[in-house]
Amino acid sequence: MTRKAINRLKVVLVEKNVSSKWLAEQLGKNEATISRWCTNEVQPPIKTFVQIAEKLDVKLSTLFND
């Protein structure tokens, strides 16, 4: 059974034409951490999702699958 992708972070980064490295720098996080979020291996805390939405200038709901 495959796990459903909870967040759309990887897709939104592509749509915004920014790298996971850029996001890591913006958030002061390790690039490997961002990678794990992008693959839905782990989920960041909600407050981090809020920061990501602000940095990417998107609505919070954009970061999640329906």
PDB file of N, CA and C in Angstrom:
ATOM      1  N   MET A   1       0.844  -1.188   0.000  1.00  0.00           N
ATOM      2  CA  MET A   1       0.000   0.000   0.000  1.00  0.00           C
ATOM      3  C   MET A   1       0.891   1.253   0.000  1.00  0.00           C
ATOM      4  N   THR A   2       0.625   2.121  -0.942  1.00  0.00           N
ATOM      5  CA  THR A   2       1.411   3.350  -0.984  1.00  0.00           C
ATOM      6  C   THR A   2       0.734   4.411  -0.142  1.00  0.00           C
ATOM      7  N   ARG A   3       1.570   5.193   0.504  1.00  0.00           N
ATOM      8  CA  ARG A   3       1.023   6.277   1.318  1.00  0.00           C
ATOM      9  C   ARG A   3       0.587   7.405   0.404  1.00  0.00           C
ATOM     10  N   LYS A   4      -0.523   8.021   0.761  1.00  0.00           N
ATOM     11  CA  LYS A   4      -1.012   9.158  -0.010  1.00  0.00           C
ATOM     12  C   LYS A   4      -0.125  10.364   0.306  1.00  0.00           C
ATOM     13  N   ALA A   5       0.230  11.077  -0.732  1.00  0.00           N
ATOM     14  CA  ALA A   5       1.002  12.305  -0.539  1.00  0.00           C
ATOM     15  C   ALA A   5       0.115  13.329   0.156  1.00  0.00           C
ATOM     16  N   ILE A   6       0.538  13.759   1.315  1.00  0.00           N
ATOM     17  CA  ILE A   6      -0.246  14.708   2.103  1.00  0.00           C
ATOM     18  C   ILE A   6       0.004  16.129   1.609  1.00  0.00           C
ATOM     19  N   ASN A   7       1.290  16.453   1.414  1.00  0.00           N
ATOM     20  CA  ASN A   7       1.582  17.815   0.961  1.00  0.00           C
ATOM     21  C   ASN A   7       1.988  17.848  -0.510  1.00  0.00           C
ATOM     22  N   ARG A   8       1.856  19.018  -1.095  1.00  0.00           N
ATOM     23  CA  ARG A   8       2.188  19.251  -2.502  1.00  0.00           C
ATOM     24  C   ARG A   8       3.453  20.112  -2.619  1.00  0.00           C
ATOM     25  N   LEU A   9       4.272  20.064  -1.610  1.00  0.00           N
ATOM     26  CA  LEU A   9       5.426  20.951  -1.557  1.00  0.00           C
ATOM     27  C   LEU A   9       6.299  20.862  -2.805  1.00  0.00           C
ATOM     28  N   LYS A  10       6.597  19.635  -3.224  1.00  0.00           N
ATOM     29  CA  LYS A  10       7.445  19.430  -4.399  1.00  0.00           C
ATOM     30  C   LYS A  10       6.841  20.116  -5.629  1.00  0.00           C
ATOM     31  N   VAL A  11       5.541  19.939  -5.827  1.00  0.00           N
ATOM     32  CA  VAL A  11       4.835  20.524  -6.968  1.00  0.00           C
ATOM     33  C   VAL A  11       4.852  22.050  -6.898  1.00  0.00           C
ATOM     34  N   VAL A  12       4.578  22.589  -5.715  1.00  0.00           N
ATOM     35  CA  VAL A  12       4.525  24.044  -5.542  1.00  0.00           C
ATOM     36  C   VAL A  12       5.907  24.662  -5.775  1.00  0.00           C
ATOM     37  N   LEU A  13       6.962  24.001  -5.334  1.00  0.00           N
ATOM     38  CA  LEU A  13       8.319  24.508  -5.583  1.00  0.00           C
ATOM     39  C   LEU A  13       8.580  24.600  -7.083  1.00  0.00           C
ATOM     40  N   VAL A  14       8.148  23.581  -7.821  1.00  0.00           N
ATOM     41  CA  VAL A  14       8.322  23.589  -9.285  1.00  0.00           C
ATOM     42  C   VAL A  14       7.489  24.713  -9.903  1.00  0.00           C
ATOM     43  N   GLU A  15       6.237  24.830  -9.468  1.00  0.00           N
ATOM     44  CA  GLU A  15       5.354  25.882  -9.988  1.00  0.00           C
ATOM     45  C   GLU A  15       5.942  27.273  -9.745  1.00  0.00           C
ATOM     46  N   LYS A  16       6.571  27.450  -8.600  1.00  0.00           N
ATOM     47  CA  LYS A  16       7.147  28.749  -8.231  1.00  0.00           C
ATOM     48  C   LYS A  16       8.574  28.917  -8.755  1.00  0.00           C
ATOM     49  N   ASN A  17       9.078  27.857  -9.392  1.00  0.00           N
ATOM     50  CA  ASN A  17      10.420  27.877  -9.969  1.00  0.00           C
ATOM     51  C   ASN A  17      11.498  28.184  -8.922  1.00  0.00           C
ATOM     52  N   VAL A  18      11.356  27.576  -7.757  1.00  0.00           N
ATOM     53  CA  VAL A  18      12.376  27.715  -6.716  1.00  0.00           C
ATOM     54  C   VAL A  18      12.855  26.328  -6.286  1.00  0.00           C
ATOM     55  N   SER A  19      14.074  26.293  -5.793  1.00  0.00           N
ATOM     56  CA  SER A  19      14.673  25.012  -5.413  1.00  0.00           C
ATOM     57  C   SER A  19      14.424  24.699  -3.945  1.00  0.00           C
ATOM     58  N   SER A  20      14.573  23.433  -3.620  1.00  0.00           N
ATOM     59  CA  SER A  20      14.470  23.031  -2.217  1.00  0.00           C
ATOM     60  C   SER A  20      15.632  23.649  -1.431  1.00  0.00           C
ATOM     61  N   LYS A  21      16.760  23.861  -2.109  1.00  0.00           N
ATOM     62  CA  LYS A  21      17.912  24.510  -1.471  1.00  0.00           C
ATOM     63  C   LYS A  21      17.544  25.932  -1.039  1.00  0.00           C
ATOM     64  N   TRP A  22      16.873  26.662  -1.929  1.00  0.00           N
ATOM     65  CA  TRP A  22      16.426  28.021  -1.607  1.00  0.00           C
ATOM     66  C   TRP A  22      15.502  28.007  -0.395  1.00  0.00           C
ATOM     67  N   LEU A  23      14.545  27.076  -0.413  1.00  0.00           N
ATOM     68  CA  LEU A  23      13.594  26.987   0.699  1.00  0.00           C
ATOM     69  C   LEU A  23      14.318  26.657   2.003  1.00  0.00           C
ATOM     70  N   ALA A  24      15.269  25.744   1.924  1.00  0.00           N
ATOM     71  CA  ALA A  24      16.059  25.376   3.105  1.00  0.00           C
ATOM     72  C   ALA A  24      16.763  26.614   3.683  1.00  0.00           C
ATOM     73  N   GLU A  25      17.343  27.418   2.804  1.00  0.00           N
ATOM     74  CA  GLU A  25      18.027  28.639   3.247  1.00  0.00           C
ATOM     75  C   GLU A  25      17.040  29.616   3.887  1.00  0.00           C
ATOM     76  N   GLN A  26      15.874  29.776   3.267  1.00  0.00           N
ATOM     77  CA  GLN A  26      14.852  30.693   3.772  1.00  0.00           C
ATOM     78  C   GLN A  26      14.380  30.303   5.173  1.00  0.00           C
ATOM     79  N   LEU A  27      14.258  28.998   5.396  1.00  0.00           N
ATOM     80  CA  LEU A  27      13.728  28.500   6.665  1.00  0.00           C
ATOM     81  C   LEU A  27      14.820  28.173   7.687  1.00  0.00           C
ATOM     82  N   GLY A  28      16.074  28.240   7.257  1.00  0.00           N
ATOM     83  CA  GLY A  28      17.170  27.873   8.146  1.00  0.00           C
ATOM     84  C   GLY A  28      17.162  26.392   8.471  1.00  0.00           C
ATOM     85  N   LYS A  29      16.784  25.588   7.463  1.00  0.00           N
ATOM     86  CA  LYS A  29      16.711  24.133   7.642  1.00  0.00           C
ATOM     87  C   LYS A  29      17.742  23.443   6.761  1.00  0.00           C
ATOM     88  N   ASN A  30      17.983  22.180   7.060  1.00  0.00           N
ATOM     89  CA  ASN A  30      18.863  21.343   6.260  1.00  0.00           C
ATOM     90  C   ASN A  30      18.137  20.974   4.956  1.00  0.00           C
ATOM     91  N   GLU A  31      18.877  20.952   3.859  1.00  0.00           N
ATOM     92  CA  GLU A  31      18.282  20.594   2.571  1.00  0.00           C
ATOM     93  C   GLU A  31      17.696  19.184   2.580  1.00  0.00           C
ATOM     94  N   ALA A  32      18.315  18.283   3.329  1.00  0.00           N
ATOM     95  CA  ALA A  32      17.812  16.908   3.434  1.00  0.00           C
ATOM     96  C   ALA A  32      16.436  16.884   4.097  1.00  0.00           C
ATOM     97  N   THR A  33      16.234  17.775   5.046  1.00  0.00           N
ATOM     98  CA  THR A  33      14.936  17.883   5.719  1.00  0.00           C
ATOM     99  C   THR A  33      13.857  18.284   4.721  1.00  0.00           C
ATOM    100  N   ILE A  34      14.166  19.283   3.900  1.00  0.00           N
ATOM    101  CA  ILE A  34      13.215  19.745   2.885  1.00  0.00           C
ATOM    102  C   ILE A  34      12.898  18.606   1.920  1.00  0.00           C
ATOM    103  N   SER A  35      13.924  17.870   1.548  1.00  0.00           N
ATOM    104  CA  SER A  35      13.750  16.741   0.637  1.00  0.00           C
ATOM    105  C   SER A  35      12.773  15.716   1.208  1.00  0.00           C
ATOM    106  N   ARG A  36      12.892  15.445   2.499  1.00  0.00           N
ATOM    107  CA  ARG A  36      12.006  14.478   3.152  1.00  0.00           C
ATOM    108  C   ARG A  36      10.570  14.999   3.200  1.00  0.00           C
ATOM    109  N   TRP A  37      10.417  16.315   3.337  1.00  0.00           N
ATOM    110  CA  TRP A  37       9.072  16.909   3.288  1.00  0.00           C
ATOM    111  C   TRP A  37       8.504  16.773   1.880  1.00  0.00           C
ATOM    112  N   CYS A  38       9.352  17.033   0.862  1.00  0.00           N
ATOM    113  CA  CYS A  38       8.916  16.994  -0.542  1.00  0.00           C
ATOM    114  C   CYS A  38       8.470  15.592  -0.966  1.00  0.00           C
ATOM    115  N   THR A  39       9.107  14.581  -0.391  1.00  0.00           N
ATOM    116  CA  THR A  39       8.744  13.201  -0.738  1.00  0.00           C
ATOM    117  C   THR A  39       7.655  12.655   0.182  1.00  0.00           C
ATOM    118  N   ASN A  40       7.170  13.515   1.104  1.00  0.00           N
ATOM    119  CA  ASN A  40       6.141  13.127   2.055  1.00  0.00           C
ATOM    120  C   ASN A  40       6.585  12.010   2.998  1.00  0.00           C
ATOM    121  N   GLU A  41       7.900  11.877   3.148  1.00  0.00           N
ATOM    122  CA  GLU A  41       8.448  10.901   4.102  1.00  0.00           C
ATOM    123  C   GLU A  41       8.095  11.340   5.529  1.00  0.00           C
ATOM    124  N   VAL A  42       8.225  12.631   5.759  1.00  0.00           N
ATOM    125  CA  VAL A  42       7.832  13.237   7.038  1.00  0.00           C
ATOM    126  C   VAL A  42       7.115  14.545   6.731  1.00  0.00           C
ATOM    127  N   GLN A  43       6.343  15.029   7.683  1.00  0.00           N
ATOM    128  CA  GLN A  43       5.621  16.288   7.527  1.00  0.00           C
ATOM    129  C   GLN A  43       6.171  17.314   8.511  1.00  0.00           C
ATOM    130  N   PRO A  44       6.362  18.538   8.031  1.00  0.00           N
ATOM    131  CA  PRO A  44       6.773  19.586   8.970  1.00  0.00           C
ATOM    132  C   PRO A  44       5.614  19.991   9.865  1.00  0.00           C
ATOM    133  N   PRO A  45       5.912  20.652  10.974  1.00  0.00           N
ATOM    134  CA  PRO A  45       4.829  21.163  11.825  1.00  0.00           C
ATOM    135  C   PRO A  45       3.985  22.184  11.057  1.00  0.00           C
ATOM    136  N   ILE A  46       2.740  22.336  11.463  1.00  0.00           N
ATOM    137  CA  ILE A  46       1.831  23.281  10.803  1.00  0.00           C
ATOM    138  C   ILE A  46       2.425  24.688  10.752  1.00  0.00           C
ATOM    139  N   LYS A  47       3.058  25.128  11.824  1.00  0.00           N
ATOM    140  CA  LYS A  47       3.614  26.492  11.802  1.00  0.00           C
ATOM    141  C   LYS A  47       4.689  26.629  10.726  1.00  0.00           C
ATOM    142  N   THR A  48       5.370  25.537  10.420  1.00  0.00           N
ATOM    143  CA  THR A  48       6.369  25.562   9.341  1.00  0.00           C
ATOM    144  C   THR A  48       5.676  25.647   7.991  1.00  0.00           C
ATOM    145  N   PHE A  49       4.563  24.933   7.841  1.00  0.00           N
ATOM    146  CA  PHE A  49       3.775  25.053   6.601  1.00  0.00           C
ATOM    147  C   PHE A  49       3.337  26.503   6.397  1.00  0.00           C
ATOM    148  N   VAL A  50       2.970  27.166   7.489  1.00  0.00           N
ATOM    149  CA  VAL A  50       2.560  28.579   7.409  1.00  0.00           C
ATOM    150  C   VAL A  50       3.733  29.426   6.904  1.00  0.00           C
ATOM    151  N   GLN A  51       4.922  29.185   7.446  1.00  0.00           N
ATOM    152  CA  GLN A  51       6.118  29.916   7.003  1.00  0.00           C
ATOM    153  C   GLN A  51       6.419  29.637   5.530  1.00  0.00           C
ATOM    154  N   ILE A  52       6.282  28.380   5.126  1.00  0.00           N
ATOM    155  CA  ILE A  52       6.536  27.995   3.731  1.00  0.00           C
ATOM    156  C   ILE A  52       5.571  28.740   2.806  1.00  0.00           C
ATOM    157  N   ALA A  53       4.300  28.767   3.184  1.00  0.00           N
ATOM    158  CA  ALA A  53       3.288  29.465   2.375  1.00  0.00           C
ATOM    159  C   ALA A  53       3.649  30.937   2.232  1.00  0.00           C
ATOM    160  N   GLU A  54       4.112  31.542   3.320  1.00  0.00           N
ATOM    161  CA  GLU A  54       4.512  32.962   3.285  1.00  0.00           C
ATOM    162  C   GLU A  54       5.713  33.161   2.360  1.00  0.00           C
ATOM    163  N   LYS A  55       6.714  32.321   2.495  1.00  0.00           N
ATOM    164  CA  LYS A  55       7.932  32.443   1.673  1.00  0.00           C
ATOM    165  C   LYS A  55       7.624  32.260   0.184  1.00  0.00           C
ATOM    166  N   LEU A  56       6.716  31.330  -0.111  1.00  0.00           N
ATOM    167  CA  LEU A  56       6.378  31.040  -1.508  1.00  0.00           C
ATOM    168  C   LEU A  56       5.247  31.925  -2.037  1.00  0.00           C
ATOM    169  N   ASP A  57       4.670  32.737  -1.148  1.00  0.00           N
ATOM    170  CA  ASP A  57       3.573  33.622  -1.510  1.00  0.00           C
ATOM    171  C   ASP A  57       2.394  32.839  -2.102  1.00  0.00           C
ATOM    172  N   VAL A  58       1.989  31.802  -1.375  1.00  0.00           N
ATOM    173  CA  VAL A  58       0.825  31.003  -1.761  1.00  0.00           C
ATOM    174  C   VAL A  58      -0.099  30.858  -0.556  1.00  0.00           C
ATOM    175  N   LYS A  59      -1.349  30.510  -0.838  1.00  0.00           N
ATOM    176  CA  LYS A  59      -2.276  30.222   0.257  1.00  0.00           C
ATOM    177  C   LYS A  59      -1.853  28.916   0.910  1.00  0.00           C
ATOM    178  N   LEU A  60      -2.055  28.822   2.200  1.00  0.00           N
ATOM    179  CA  LEU A  60      -1.688  27.620   2.952  1.00  0.00           C
ATOM    180  C   LEU A  60      -2.314  26.368   2.325  1.00  0.00           C
ATOM    181  N   SER A  61      -3.564  26.478   1.911  1.00  0.00           N
ATOM    182  CA  SER A  61      -4.270  25.313   1.332  1.00  0.00           C
ATOM    183  C   SER A  61      -3.601  24.797   0.054  1.00  0.00           C
ATOM    184  N   THR A  62      -2.857  25.657  -0.629  1.00  0.00           N
ATOM    185  CA  THR A  62      -2.143  25.264  -1.851  1.00  0.00           C
ATOM    186  C   THR A  62      -1.133  24.163  -1.576  1.00  0.00           C
ATOM    187  N   LEU A  63      -0.636  24.121  -0.351  1.00  0.00           N
ATOM    188  CA  LEU A  63       0.424  23.167   0.000  1.00  0.00           C
ATOM    189  C   LEU A  63      -0.087  21.763   0.303  1.00  0.00           C
ATOM    190  N   PHE A  64      -1.410  21.591   0.293  1.00  0.00           N
ATOM    191  CA  PHE A  64      -1.973  20.289   0.652  1.00  0.00           C
ATOM    192  C   PHE A  64      -2.818  19.689  -0.457  1.00  0.00           C
ATOM    193  N   ASN A  65      -2.811  18.368  -0.543  1.00  0.00           N
ATOM    194  CA  ASN A  65      -3.713  17.662  -1.445  1.00  0.00           C
ATOM    195  C   ASN A  65      -5.097  17.618  -0.829  1.00  0.00           C
ATOM    196  N   ASP A  66      -6.111  17.572  -1.676  1.00  0.00           N
ATOM    197  CA  ASP A  66      -7.493  17.468  -1.185  1.00  0.00           C
ATOM    198  C   ASP A  66      -7.728  16.112  -0.546  1.00  0.00           C
TER     199      ASP A  66
END
